Amino acid sequence: MKDLVSRCPIEEVMQVVSGRWPGLLIYYLKQGTKRFSDLRRDNPAISHKMLTLELRKLEDAGIVARTEFEGYPLRVEYDLTPAGLKLVPLLDALGSWWEATEAGRGHGSTLPVEVTE
């Protein structure tokens, strides 16, 4: 991971959840326990390697829990941790904000900005 420029908590969290895949993985994991193959099916554009890296990053951050089961073939399941579950309302709010401001994004226009004094 890149070095932090500041000790701002927003910068730290964005290092973990920004990018194409982390938000989507959290979105699909909020539905419950998923196996690696389930997450590949949910995100067909992600490569095996990238999915592995992103899941490890989320696991290292304490957002995702990985559970291995004995046997052959090895079975692994992923779940959101309590910390990961706390992210769900934030991501849902981002999705709601995006849908609510959709009209302002058409044809090169910018998002509406409300100025308060």
PDB file of N, CA and C in Angstrom:
ATOM      1  N   MET A   1       0.828  -1.176   0.000  1.00  0.00           N
ATOM      2  CA  MET A   1       0.000   0.000   0.000  1.00  0.00           C
ATOM      3  C   MET A   1       0.877   1.246   0.000  1.00  0.00           C
ATOM      4  N   LYS A   2       0.338   2.300  -0.585  1.00  0.00           N
ATOM      5  CA  LYS A   2       1.084   3.549  -0.633  1.00  0.00           C
ATOM      6  C   LYS A   2       1.209   4.144   0.759  1.00  0.00           C
ATOM      7  N   ASP A   3       2.256   4.954   0.936  1.00  0.00           N
ATOM      8  CA  ASP A   3       2.441   5.642   2.204  1.00  0.00           C
ATOM      9  C   ASP A   3       1.374   6.719   2.367  1.00  0.00           C
ATOM     10  N   LEU A   4       0.968   6.926   3.599  1.00  0.00           N
ATOM     11  CA  LEU A   4      -0.006   7.967   3.891  1.00  0.00           C
ATOM     12  C   LEU A   4       0.643   9.335   3.836  1.00  0.00           C
ATOM     13  N   VAL A   5      -0.091  10.299   3.303  1.00  0.00           N
ATOM     14  CA  VAL A   5       0.393  11.671   3.242  1.00  0.00           C
ATOM     15  C   VAL A   5       0.124  12.368   4.571  1.00  0.00           C
ATOM     16  N   SER A   6      -1.002  12.041   5.176  1.00  0.00           N
ATOM     17  CA  SER A   6      -1.369  12.636   6.463  1.00  0.00           C
ATOM     18  C   SER A   6      -1.848  11.527   7.383  1.00  0.00           C
ATOM     19  N   ARG A   7      -2.232  11.878   8.570  1.00  0.00           N
ATOM     20  CA  ARG A   7      -2.818  10.898   9.487  1.00  0.00           C
ATOM     21  C   ARG A   7      -4.333  11.080   9.536  1.00  0.00           C
ATOM     22  N   CYS A   8      -4.882  11.617   8.473  1.00  0.00           N
ATOM     23  CA  CYS A   8      -6.319  11.829   8.376  1.00  0.00           C
ATOM     24  C   CYS A   8      -7.020  10.475   8.253  1.00  0.00           C
ATOM     25  N   PRO A   9      -8.032  10.200   9.069  1.00  0.00           N
ATOM     26  CA  PRO A   9      -8.715   8.910   8.989  1.00  0.00           C
ATOM     27  C   PRO A   9      -9.393   8.671   7.640  1.00  0.00           C
ATOM     28  N   ILE A  10      -9.811   9.745   6.965  1.00  0.00           N
ATOM     29  CA  ILE A  10     -10.436   9.588   5.643  1.00  0.00           C
ATOM     30  C   ILE A  10      -9.416   9.040   4.650  1.00  0.00           C
ATOM     31  N   GLU A  11      -8.201   9.546   4.696  1.00  0.00           N
ATOM     32  CA  GLU A  11      -7.158   9.039   3.804  1.00  0.00           C
ATOM     33  C   GLU A  11      -6.887   7.560   4.077  1.00  0.00           C
ATOM     34  N   GLU A  12      -6.865   7.195   5.337  1.00  0.00           N
ATOM     35  CA  GLU A  12      -6.594   5.802   5.693  1.00  0.00           C
ATOM     36  C   GLU A  12      -7.706   4.873   5.211  1.00  0.00           C
ATOM     37  N   VAL A  13      -8.957   5.270   5.426  1.00  0.00           N
ATOM     38  CA  VAL A  13     -10.056   4.405   4.995  1.00  0.00           C
ATOM     39  C   VAL A  13     -10.136   4.345   3.470  1.00  0.00           C
ATOM     40  N   MET A  14      -9.825   5.426   2.798  1.00  0.00           N
ATOM     41  CA  MET A  14      -9.876   5.422   1.337  1.00  0.00           C
ATOM     42  C   MET A  14      -8.806   4.516   0.737  1.00  0.00           C
ATOM     43  N   GLN A  15      -7.702   4.348   1.430  1.00  0.00           N
ATOM     44  CA  GLN A  15      -6.691   3.404   0.953  1.00  0.00           C
ATOM     45  C   GLN A  15      -7.243   1.992   0.906  1.00  0.00           C
ATOM     46  N   VAL A  16      -8.157   1.689   1.789  1.00  0.00           N
ATOM     47  CA  VAL A  16      -8.706   0.338   1.871  1.00  0.00           C
ATOM     48  C   VAL A  16      -9.931   0.173   0.978  1.00  0.00           C
ATOM     49  N   VAL A  17     -10.867   1.109   1.009  1.00  0.00           N
ATOM     50  CA  VAL A  17     -12.146   0.902   0.326  1.00  0.00           C
ATOM     51  C   VAL A  17     -12.268   1.576  -1.033  1.00  0.00           C
ATOM     52  N   SER A  18     -11.278   2.367  -1.438  1.00  0.00           N
ATOM     53  CA  SER A  18     -11.387   2.988  -2.758  1.00  0.00           C
ATOM     54  C   SER A  18     -10.947   2.009  -3.835  1.00  0.00           C
ATOM     55  N   GLY A  19     -11.282   2.324  -5.033  1.00  0.00           N
ATOM     56  CA  GLY A  19     -10.944   1.460  -6.150  1.00  0.00           C
ATOM     57  C   GLY A  19     -12.189   0.785  -6.705  1.00  0.00           C
ATOM     58  N   ARG A  20     -11.993  -0.010  -7.707  1.00  0.00           N
ATOM     59  CA  ARG A  20     -13.106  -0.627  -8.419  1.00  0.00           C
ATOM     60  C   ARG A  20     -13.787  -1.743  -7.620  1.00  0.00           C
ATOM     61  N   TRP A  21     -13.039  -2.525  -6.867  1.00  0.00           N
ATOM     62  CA  TRP A  21     -13.564  -3.763  -6.308  1.00  0.00           C
ATOM     63  C   TRP A  21     -13.981  -3.767  -4.841  1.00  0.00           C
ATOM     64  N   PRO A  22     -13.324  -3.072  -3.930  1.00  0.00           N
ATOM     65  CA  PRO A  22     -13.681  -3.214  -2.508  1.00  0.00           C
ATOM     66  C   PRO A  22     -15.147  -2.919  -2.198  1.00  0.00           C
ATOM     67  N   GLY A  23     -15.678  -1.846  -2.742  1.00  0.00           N
ATOM     68  CA  GLY A  23     -17.078  -1.520  -2.485  1.00  0.00           C
ATOM     69  C   GLY A  23     -18.022  -2.591  -2.997  1.00  0.00           C
ATOM     70  N   LEU A  24     -17.706  -3.130  -4.176  1.00  0.00           N
ATOM     71  CA  LEU A  24     -18.539  -4.199  -4.737  1.00  0.00           C
ATOM     72  C   LEU A  24     -18.459  -5.465  -3.902  1.00  0.00           C
ATOM     73  N   LEU A  25     -17.270  -5.795  -3.434  1.00  0.00           N
ATOM     74  CA  LEU A  25     -17.128  -6.989  -2.599  1.00  0.00           C
ATOM     75  C   LEU A  25     -17.902  -6.845  -1.303  1.00  0.00           C
ATOM     76  N   ILE A  26     -17.835  -5.678  -0.695  1.00  0.00           N
ATOM     77  CA  ILE A  26     -18.600  -5.428   0.530  1.00  0.00           C
ATOM     78  C   ILE A  26     -20.096  -5.504   0.230  1.00  0.00           C
ATOM     79  N   TYR A  27     -20.501  -4.946  -0.902  1.00  0.00           N
ATOM     80  CA  TYR A  27     -21.901  -4.982  -1.308  1.00  0.00           C
ATOM     81  C   TYR A  27     -22.401  -6.421  -1.412  1.00  0.00           C
ATOM     82  N   TYR A  28     -21.641  -7.292  -2.062  1.00  0.00           N
ATOM     83  CA  TYR A  28     -22.080  -8.676  -2.215  1.00  0.00           C
ATOM     84  C   TYR A  28     -21.974  -9.461  -0.908  1.00  0.00           C
ATOM     85  N   LEU A  29     -20.997  -9.137  -0.091  1.00  0.00           N
ATOM     86  CA  LEU A  29     -20.856  -9.839   1.188  1.00  0.00           C
ATOM     87  C   LEU A  29     -21.914  -9.419   2.209  1.00  0.00           C
ATOM     88  N   LYS A  30     -22.544  -8.268   2.007  1.00  0.00           N
ATOM     89  CA  LYS A  30     -23.607  -7.873   2.947  1.00  0.00           C
ATOM     90  C   LYS A  30     -24.795  -8.816   2.841  1.00  0.00           C
ATOM     91  N   GLN A  31     -24.880  -9.574   1.746  1.00  0.00           N
ATOM     92  CA  GLN A  31     -25.951 -10.545   1.560  1.00  0.00           C
ATOM     93  C   GLN A  31     -25.712 -11.812   2.367  1.00  0.00           C
ATOM     94  N   GLY A  32     -24.508 -11.956   2.920  1.00  0.00           N
ATOM     95  CA  GLY A  32     -24.196 -13.123   3.733  1.00  0.00           C
ATOM     96  C   GLY A  32     -22.919 -13.800   3.284  1.00  0.00           C
ATOM     97  N   THR A  33     -22.662 -14.955   3.860  1.00  0.00           N
ATOM     98  CA  THR A  33     -21.445 -15.714   3.602  1.00  0.00           C
ATOM     99  C   THR A  33     -21.332 -16.070   2.128  1.00  0.00           C
ATOM    100  N   LYS A  34     -20.129 -15.894   1.587  1.00  0.00           N
ATOM    101  CA  LYS A  34     -19.870 -16.221   0.188  1.00  0.00           C
ATOM    102  C   LYS A  34     -18.571 -17.004   0.086  1.00  0.00           C
ATOM    103  N   ARG A  35     -18.551 -17.923  -0.849  1.00  0.00           N
ATOM    104  CA  ARG A  35     -17.323 -18.621  -1.185  1.00  0.00           C
ATOM    105  C   ARG A  35     -16.623 -17.829  -2.284  1.00  0.00           C
ATOM    106  N   PHE A  36     -15.340 -18.146  -2.487  1.00  0.00           N
ATOM    107  CA  PHE A  36     -14.553 -17.448  -3.497  1.00  0.00           C
ATOM    108  C   PHE A  36     -15.258 -17.510  -4.854  1.00  0.00           C
ATOM    109  N   SER A  37     -15.735 -18.689  -5.222  1.00  0.00           N
ATOM    110  CA  SER A  37     -16.388 -18.863  -6.526  1.00  0.00           C
ATOM    111  C   SER A  37     -17.669 -18.031  -6.621  1.00  0.00           C
ATOM    112  N   ASP A  38     -18.380 -17.857  -5.514  1.00  0.00           N
ATOM    113  CA  ASP A  38     -19.577 -17.005  -5.518  1.00  0.00           C
ATOM    114  C   ASP A  38     -19.204 -15.558  -5.833  1.00  0.00           C
ATOM    115  N   LEU A  39     -18.119 -15.095  -5.221  1.00  0.00           N
ATOM    116  CA  LEU A  39     -17.675 -13.720  -5.456  1.00  0.00           C
ATOM    117  C   LEU A  39     -17.185 -13.531  -6.882  1.00  0.00           C
ATOM    118  N   ARG A  40     -16.571 -14.552  -7.459  1.00  0.00           N
ATOM    119  CA  ARG A  40     -16.175 -14.494  -8.875  1.00  0.00           C
ATOM    120  C   ARG A  40     -17.408 -14.411  -9.768  1.00  0.00           C
ATOM    121  N   ARG A  41     -18.438 -15.163  -9.435  1.00  0.00           N
ATOM    122  CA  ARG A  41     -19.680 -15.145 -10.205  1.00  0.00           C
ATOM    123  C   ARG A  41     -20.367 -13.780 -10.087  1.00  0.00           C
ATOM    124  N   ASP A  42     -20.358 -13.208  -8.888  1.00  0.00           N
ATOM    125  CA  ASP A  42     -20.969 -11.898  -8.666  1.00  0.00           C
ATOM    126  C   ASP A  42     -20.220 -10.792  -9.409  1.00  0.00           C
ATOM    127  N   ASN A  43     -18.909 -10.963  -9.578  1.00  0.00           N
ATOM    128  CA  ASN A  43     -18.037  -9.961 -10.212  1.00  0.00           C
ATOM    129  C   ASN A  43     -17.271 -10.612 -11.361  1.00  0.00           C
ATOM    130  N   PRO A  44     -17.925 -10.939 -12.468  1.00  0.00           N
ATOM    131  CA  PRO A  44     -17.255 -11.707 -13.523  1.00  0.00           C
ATOM    132  C   PRO A  44     -16.072 -10.991 -14.180  1.00  0.00           C
ATOM    133  N   ALA A  45     -15.987  -9.690 -14.061  1.00  0.00           N
ATOM    134  CA  ALA A  45     -14.885  -8.962 -14.696  1.00  0.00           C
ATOM    135  C   ALA A  45     -13.591  -8.989 -13.877  1.00  0.00           C
ATOM    136  N   ILE A  46     -13.665  -9.412 -12.623  1.00  0.00           N
ATOM    137  CA  ILE A  46     -12.466  -9.414 -11.779  1.00  0.00           C
ATOM    138  C   ILE A  46     -11.669 -10.694 -12.029  1.00  0.00           C
ATOM    139  N   SER A  47     -10.360 -10.546 -12.084  1.00  0.00           N
ATOM    140  CA  SER A  47      -9.505 -11.719 -12.275  1.00  0.00           C
ATOM    141  C   SER A  47      -9.337 -12.455 -10.948  1.00  0.00           C
ATOM    142  N   HIS A  48      -8.928 -13.693 -11.045  1.00  0.00           N
ATOM    143  CA  HIS A  48      -8.677 -14.519  -9.859  1.00  0.00           C
ATOM    144  C   HIS A  48      -7.646 -13.849  -8.952  1.00  0.00           C
ATOM    145  N   LYS A  49      -6.585 -13.363  -9.566  1.00  0.00           N
ATOM    146  CA  LYS A  49      -5.505 -12.727  -8.800  1.00  0.00           C
ATOM    147  C   LYS A  49      -5.991 -11.453  -8.103  1.00  0.00           C
ATOM    148  N   MET A  50      -6.736 -10.623  -8.831  1.00  0.00           N
ATOM    149  CA  MET A  50      -7.208  -9.365  -8.244  1.00  0.00           C
ATOM    150  C   MET A  50      -8.204  -9.623  -7.123  1.00  0.00           C
ATOM    151  N   LEU A  51      -9.075 -10.613  -7.296  1.00  0.00           N
ATOM    152  CA  LEU A  51     -10.022 -10.943  -6.240  1.00  0.00           C
ATOM    153  C   LEU A  51      -9.281 -11.396  -4.989  1.00  0.00           C
ATOM    154  N   THR A  52      -8.270 -12.218  -5.171  1.00  0.00           N
ATOM    155  CA  THR A  52      -7.455 -12.671  -4.043  1.00  0.00           C
ATOM    156  C   THR A  52      -6.800 -11.491  -3.329  1.00  0.00           C
ATOM    157  N   LEU A  53      -6.195 -10.586  -4.098  1.00  0.00           N
ATOM    158  CA  LEU A  53      -5.519  -9.424  -3.504  1.00  0.00           C
ATOM    159  C   LEU A  53      -6.497  -8.523  -2.760  1.00  0.00           C
ATOM    160  N   GLU A  54      -7.651  -8.274  -3.365  1.00  0.00           N
ATOM    161  CA  GLU A  54      -8.628  -7.383  -2.728  1.00  0.00           C
ATOM    162  C   GLU A  54      -9.209  -8.009  -1.459  1.00  0.00           C
ATOM    163  N   LEU A  55      -9.485  -9.307  -1.493  1.00  0.00           N
ATOM    164  CA  LEU A  55      -9.986  -9.973  -0.290  1.00  0.00           C
ATOM    165  C   LEU A  55      -8.947  -9.955   0.819  1.00  0.00           C
ATOM    166  N   ARG A  56      -7.680 -10.152   0.477  1.00  0.00           N
ATOM    167  CA  ARG A  56      -6.614 -10.080   1.485  1.00  0.00           C
ATOM    168  C   ARG A  56      -6.512  -8.690   2.084  1.00  0.00           C
ATOM    169  N   LYS A  57      -6.631  -7.661   1.226  1.00  0.00           N
ATOM    170  CA  LYS A  57      -6.560  -6.281   1.709  1.00  0.00           C
ATOM    171  C   LYS A  57      -7.707  -6.003   2.679  1.00  0.00           C
ATOM    172  N   LEU A  58      -8.922  -6.449   2.338  1.00  0.00           N
ATOM    173  CA  LEU A  58     -10.066  -6.247   3.213  1.00  0.00           C
ATOM    174  C   LEU A  58      -9.947  -7.072   4.487  1.00  0.00           C
ATOM    175  N   GLU A  59      -9.358  -8.253   4.370  1.00  0.00           N
ATOM    176  CA  GLU A  59      -9.129  -9.083   5.553  1.00  0.00           C
ATOM    177  C   GLU A  59      -8.107  -8.437   6.481  1.00  0.00           C
ATOM    178  N   ASP A  60      -7.007  -7.945   5.921  1.00  0.00           N
ATOM    179  CA  ASP A  60      -5.976  -7.274   6.719  1.00  0.00           C
ATOM    180  C   ASP A  60      -6.522  -6.035   7.428  1.00  0.00           C
ATOM    181  N   ALA A  61      -7.503  -5.382   6.808  1.00  0.00           N
ATOM    182  CA  ALA A  61      -8.100  -4.176   7.399  1.00  0.00           C
ATOM    183  C   ALA A  61      -9.172  -4.515   8.432  1.00  0.00           C
ATOM    184  N   GLY A  62      -9.491  -5.795   8.588  1.00  0.00           N
ATOM    185  CA  GLY A  62     -10.500  -6.193   9.563  1.00  0.00           C
ATOM    186  C   GLY A  62     -11.920  -6.038   9.070  1.00  0.00           C
ATOM    187  N   ILE A  63     -12.115  -5.927   7.756  1.00  0.00           N
ATOM    188  CA  ILE A  63     -13.442  -5.736   7.172  1.00  0.00           C
ATOM    189  C   ILE A  63     -14.068  -7.066   6.781  1.00  0.00           C
ATOM    190  N   VAL A  64     -13.224  -7.996   6.348  1.00  0.00           N
ATOM    191  CA  VAL A  64     -13.679  -9.312   5.890  1.00  0.00           C
ATOM    192  C   VAL A  64     -13.005 -10.391   6.724  1.00  0.00           C
ATOM    193  N   ALA A  65     -13.773 -11.411   7.060  1.00  0.00           N
ATOM    194  CA  ALA A  65     -13.233 -12.583   7.766  1.00  0.00           C
ATOM    195  C   ALA A  65     -13.177 -13.753   6.792  1.00  0.00           C
ATOM    196  N   ARG A  66     -12.067 -14.458   6.815  1.00  0.00           N
ATOM    197  CA  ARG A  66     -11.863 -15.626   5.958  1.00  0.00           C
ATOM    198  C   ARG A  66     -11.866 -16.868   6.842  1.00  0.00           C
ATOM    199  N   THR A  67     -12.695 -17.849   6.491  1.00  0.00           N
ATOM    200  CA  THR A  67     -12.788 -19.079   7.258  1.00  0.00           C
ATOM    201  C   THR A  67     -12.449 -20.255   6.356  1.00  0.00           C
ATOM    202  N   GLU A  68     -11.444 -21.044   6.769  1.00  0.00           N
ATOM    203  CA  GLU A  68     -11.053 -22.242   6.025  1.00  0.00           C
ATOM    204  C   GLU A  68     -11.670 -23.464   6.679  1.00  0.00           C
ATOM    205  N   PHE A  69     -12.130 -24.394   5.857  1.00  0.00           N
ATOM    206  CA  PHE A  69     -12.690 -25.647   6.340  1.00  0.00           C
ATOM    207  C   PHE A  69     -11.808 -26.791   5.871  1.00  0.00           C
ATOM    208  N   GLU A  70     -11.604 -27.766   6.755  1.00  0.00           N
ATOM    209  CA  GLU A  70     -10.766 -28.913   6.420  1.00  0.00           C
ATOM    210  C   GLU A  70     -11.406 -29.723   5.304  1.00  0.00           C
ATOM    211  N   GLY A  71     -10.566 -30.483   4.644  1.00  0.00           N
ATOM    212  CA  GLY A  71     -11.068 -31.374   3.613  1.00  0.00           C
ATOM    213  C   GLY A  71     -10.429 -31.078   2.275  1.00  0.00           C
ATOM    214  N   TYR A  72     -10.760 -31.927   1.352  1.00  0.00           N
ATOM    215  CA  TYR A  72     -10.258 -31.743   0.006  1.00  0.00           C
ATOM    216  C   TYR A  72     -11.443 -31.742  -0.935  1.00  0.00           C
ATOM    217  N   PRO A  73     -11.597 -30.786  -1.776  1.00  0.00           N
ATOM    218  CA  PRO A  73     -10.749 -29.601  -1.889  1.00  0.00           C
ATOM    219  C   PRO A  73     -10.998 -28.629  -0.730  1.00  0.00           C
ATOM    220  N   LEU A  74     -10.015 -27.794  -0.495  1.00  0.00           N
ATOM    221  CA  LEU A  74     -10.110 -26.797   0.569  1.00  0.00           C
ATOM    222  C   LEU A  74     -11.314 -25.893   0.300  1.00  0.00           C
ATOM    223  N   ARG A  75     -12.121 -25.676   1.320  1.00  0.00           N
ATOM    224  CA  ARG A  75     -13.277 -24.795   1.198  1.00  0.00           C
ATOM    225  C   ARG A  75     -13.022 -23.556   2.038  1.00  0.00           C
ATOM    226  N   VAL A  76     -13.200 -22.397   1.434  1.00  0.00           N
ATOM    227  CA  VAL A  76     -12.981 -21.125   2.113  1.00  0.00           C
ATOM    228  C   VAL A  76     -14.232 -20.275   1.956  1.00  0.00           C
ATOM    229  N   GLU A  77     -14.654 -19.652   3.043  1.00  0.00           N
ATOM    230  CA  GLU A  77     -15.802 -18.757   3.011  1.00  0.00           C
ATOM    231  C   GLU A  77     -15.398 -17.375   3.528  1.00  0.00           C
ATOM    232  N   TYR A  78     -16.094 -16.384   3.027  1.00  0.00           N
ATOM    233  CA  TYR A  78     -15.838 -14.995   3.409  1.00  0.00           C
ATOM    234  C   TYR A  78     -17.114 -14.382   3.963  1.00  0.00           C
ATOM    235  N   ASP A  79     -16.942 -13.592   5.006  1.00  0.00           N
ATOM    236  CA  ASP A  79     -18.034 -12.869   5.657  1.00  0.00           C
ATOM    237  C   ASP A  79     -17.546 -11.479   6.021  1.00  0.00           C
ATOM    238  N   LEU A  80     -18.487 -10.561   6.207  1.00  0.00           N
ATOM    239  CA  LEU A  80     -18.142  -9.267   6.774  1.00  0.00           C
ATOM    240  C   LEU A  80     -17.980  -9.418   8.274  1.00  0.00           C
ATOM    241  N   THR A  81     -16.972  -8.763   8.806  1.00  0.00           N
ATOM    242  CA  THR A  81     -16.771  -8.705  10.249  1.00  0.00           C
ATOM    243  C   THR A  81     -17.736  -7.654  10.818  1.00  0.00           C
ATOM    244  N   PRO A  82     -17.821  -7.528  12.141  1.00  0.00           N
ATOM    245  CA  PRO A  82     -18.635  -6.432  12.697  1.00  0.00           C
ATOM    246  C   PRO A  82     -18.197  -5.056  12.164  1.00  0.00           C
ATOM    247  N   ALA A  83     -16.896  -4.863  11.998  1.00  0.00           N
ATOM    248  CA  ALA A  83     -16.413  -3.587  11.433  1.00  0.00           C
ATOM    249  C   ALA A  83     -16.872  -3.437   9.989  1.00  0.00           C
ATOM    250  N   GLY A  84     -16.845  -4.528   9.233  1.00  0.00           N
ATOM    251  CA  GLY A  84     -17.300  -4.491   7.843  1.00  0.00           C
ATOM    252  C   GLY A  84     -18.789  -4.202   7.739  1.00  0.00           C
ATOM    253  N   LEU A  85     -19.559  -4.761   8.661  1.00  0.00           N
ATOM    254  CA  LEU A  85     -21.002  -4.514   8.668  1.00  0.00           C
ATOM    255  C   LEU A  85     -21.314  -3.047   8.936  1.00  0.00           C
ATOM    256  N   LYS A  86     -20.432  -2.368   9.689  1.00  0.00           N
ATOM    257  CA  LYS A  86     -20.634  -0.938   9.948  1.00  0.00           C
ATOM    258  C   LYS A  86     -20.432  -0.098   8.688  1.00  0.00           C
ATOM    259  N   LEU A  87     -19.722  -0.643   7.689  1.00  0.00           N
ATOM    260  CA  LEU A  87     -19.528   0.072   6.428  1.00  0.00           C
ATOM    261  C   LEU A  87     -20.756   0.009   5.525  1.00  0.00           C
ATOM    262  N   VAL A  88     -21.587  -0.987   5.706  1.00  0.00           N
ATOM    263  CA  VAL A  88     -22.732  -1.198   4.813  1.00  0.00           C
ATOM    264  C   VAL A  88     -23.646   0.026   4.740  1.00  0.00           C
ATOM    265  N   PRO A  89     -24.071   0.616   5.866  1.00  0.00           N
ATOM    266  CA  PRO A  89     -24.931   1.800   5.755  1.00  0.00           C
ATOM    267  C   PRO A  89     -24.241   2.966   5.039  1.00  0.00           C
ATOM    268  N   LEU A  90     -22.928   3.080   5.193  1.00  0.00           N
ATOM    269  CA  LEU A  90     -22.202   4.153   4.515  1.00  0.00           C
ATOM    270  C   LEU A  90     -22.213   3.936   3.008  1.00  0.00           C
ATOM    271  N   LEU A  91     -21.969   2.704   2.574  1.00  0.00           N
ATOM    272  CA  LEU A  91     -21.993   2.409   1.140  1.00  0.00           C
ATOM    273  C   LEU A  91     -23.409   2.536   0.581  1.00  0.00           C
ATOM    274  N   ASP A  92     -24.403   2.109   1.362  1.00  0.00           N
ATOM    275  CA  ASP A  92     -25.795   2.284   0.939  1.00  0.00           C
ATOM    276  C   ASP A  92     -26.123   3.760   0.779  1.00  0.00           C
ATOM    277  N   ALA A  93     -25.632   4.593   1.697  1.00  0.00           N
ATOM    278  CA  ALA A  93     -25.869   6.035   1.611  1.00  0.00           C
ATOM    279  C   ALA A  93     -25.205   6.620   0.373  1.00  0.00           C
ATOM    280  N   LEU A  94     -24.005   6.156   0.040  1.00  0.00           N
ATOM    281  CA  LEU A  94     -23.351   6.615  -1.188  1.00  0.00           C
ATOM    282  C   LEU A  94     -24.174   6.242  -2.416  1.00  0.00           C
ATOM    283  N   GLY A  95     -24.689   5.026  -2.433  1.00  0.00           N
ATOM    284  CA  GLY A  95     -25.531   4.602  -3.550  1.00  0.00           C
ATOM    285  C   GLY A  95     -26.792   5.437  -3.659  1.00  0.00           C
ATOM    286  N   SER A  96     -27.415   5.738  -2.537  1.00  0.00           N
ATOM    287  CA  SER A  96     -28.621   6.569  -2.534  1.00  0.00           C
ATOM    288  C   SER A  96     -28.306   7.980  -3.008  1.00  0.00           C
ATOM    289  N   TRP A  97     -27.184   8.518  -2.543  1.00  0.00           N
ATOM    290  CA  TRP A  97     -26.770   9.858  -2.988  1.00  0.00           C
ATOM    291  C   TRP A  97     -26.560   9.872  -4.493  1.00  0.00           C
ATOM    292  N   TRP A  98     -25.911   8.834  -5.013  1.00  0.00           N
ATOM    293  CA  TRP A  98     -25.627   8.760  -6.450  1.00  0.00           C
ATOM    294  C   TRP A  98     -26.924   8.734  -7.247  1.00  0.00           C
ATOM    295  N   GLU A  99     -27.875   7.929  -6.809  1.00  0.00           N
ATOM    296  CA  GLU A  99     -29.155   7.845  -7.513  1.00  0.00           C
ATOM    297  C   GLU A  99     -29.926   9.161  -7.404  1.00  0.00           C
ATOM    298  N   ALA A 100     -29.861   9.814  -6.253  1.00  0.00           N
ATOM    299  CA  ALA A 100     -30.589  11.064  -6.047  1.00  0.00           C
ATOM    300  C   ALA A 100     -30.023  12.210  -6.874  1.00  0.00           C
ATOM    301  N   THR A 101     -28.749  12.147  -7.215  1.00  0.00           N
ATOM    302  CA  THR A 101     -28.125  13.233  -7.981  1.00  0.00           C
ATOM    303  C   THR A 101     -27.936  12.865  -9.443  1.00  0.00           C
ATOM    304  N   GLU A 102     -28.576  11.805  -9.882  1.00  0.00           N
ATOM    305  CA  GLU A 102     -28.395  11.307 -11.251  1.00  0.00           C
ATOM    306  C   GLU A 102     -28.753  12.350 -12.306  1.00  0.00           C
ATOM    307  N   ALA A 103     -29.794  13.115 -12.090  1.00  0.00           N
ATOM    308  CA  ALA A 103     -30.235  14.095 -13.078  1.00  0.00           C
ATOM    309  C   ALA A 103     -29.163  15.141 -13.363  1.00  0.00           C
ATOM    310  N   GLY A 104     -28.344  15.452 -12.375  1.00  0.00           N
ATOM    311  CA  GLY A 104     -27.323  16.476 -12.546  1.00  0.00           C
ATOM    312  C   GLY A 104     -26.075  16.000 -13.271  1.00  0.00           C
ATOM    313  N   ARG A 105     -26.012  14.728 -13.625  1.00  0.00           N
ATOM    314  CA  ARG A 105     -24.811  14.191 -14.273  1.00  0.00           C
ATOM    315  C   ARG A 105     -24.952  14.042 -15.776  1.00  0.00           C
ATOM    316  N   GLY A 106     -26.056  14.420 -16.333  1.00  0.00           N
ATOM    317  CA  GLY A 106     -26.282  14.177 -17.759  1.00  0.00           C
ATOM    318  C   GLY A 106     -25.493  15.104 -18.659  1.00  0.00           C
ATOM    319  N   HIS A 107     -24.957  14.577 -19.716  1.00  0.00           N
ATOM    320  CA  HIS A 107     -24.348  15.318 -20.824  1.00  0.00           C
ATOM    321  C   HIS A 107     -23.314  16.350 -20.393  1.00  0.00           C
ATOM    322  N   GLY A 108     -22.367  15.928 -19.610  1.00  0.00           N
ATOM    323  CA  GLY A 108     -21.233  16.783 -19.258  1.00  0.00           C
ATOM    324  C   GLY A 108     -21.520  17.809 -18.179  1.00  0.00           C
ATOM    325  N   SER A 109     -22.718  17.820 -17.640  1.00  0.00           N
ATOM    326  CA  SER A 109     -22.986  18.778 -16.572  1.00  0.00           C
ATOM    327  C   SER A 109     -22.358  18.285 -15.281  1.00  0.00           C
ATOM    328  N   THR A 110     -22.183  19.188 -14.365  1.00  0.00           N
ATOM    329  CA  THR A 110     -21.596  18.817 -13.079  1.00  0.00           C
ATOM    330  C   THR A 110     -22.684  18.567 -12.071  1.00  0.00           C
ATOM    331  N   LEU A 111     -22.317  17.951 -10.968  1.00  0.00           N
ATOM    332  CA  LEU A 111     -23.263  17.695  -9.896  1.00  0.00           C
ATOM    333  C   LEU A 111     -23.741  19.022  -9.302  1.00  0.00           C
ATOM    334  N   PRO A 112     -25.008  19.094  -8.917  1.00  0.00           N
ATOM    335  CA  PRO A 112     -25.484  20.321  -8.294  1.00  0.00           C
ATOM    336  C   PRO A 112     -24.788  20.549  -6.958  1.00  0.00           C
ATOM    337  N   VAL A 113     -24.400  21.773  -6.738  1.00  0.00           N
ATOM    338  CA  VAL A 113     -23.726  22.113  -5.493  1.00  0.00           C
ATOM    339  C   VAL A 113     -24.591  23.093  -4.741  1.00  0.00           C
ATOM    340  N   GLU A 114     -24.865  22.770  -3.486  1.00  0.00           N
ATOM    341  CA  GLU A 114     -25.661  23.667  -2.655  1.00  0.00           C
ATOM    342  C   GLU A 114     -24.702  24.480  -1.805  1.00  0.00           C
ATOM    343  N   VAL A 115     -24.796  25.780  -1.912  1.00  0.00           N
ATOM    344  CA  VAL A 115     -23.926  26.666  -1.160  1.00  0.00           C
ATOM    345  C   VAL A 115     -24.699  27.153   0.058  1.00  0.00           C
ATOM    346  N   THR A 116     -24.092  26.963   1.232  1.00  0.00           N
ATOM    347  CA  THR A 116     -24.702  27.465   2.459  1.00  0.00           C
ATOM    348  C   THR A 116     -23.763  28.458   3.108  1.00  0.00           C
ATOM    349  N   GLU A 117     -24.331  29.443   3.701  1.00  0.00           N
ATOM    350  CA  GLU A 117     -23.498  30.449   4.359  1.00  0.00           C
ATOM    351  C   GLU A 117     -23.748  30.486   5.827  1.00  0.00           C
TER     352      GLU A 117
END
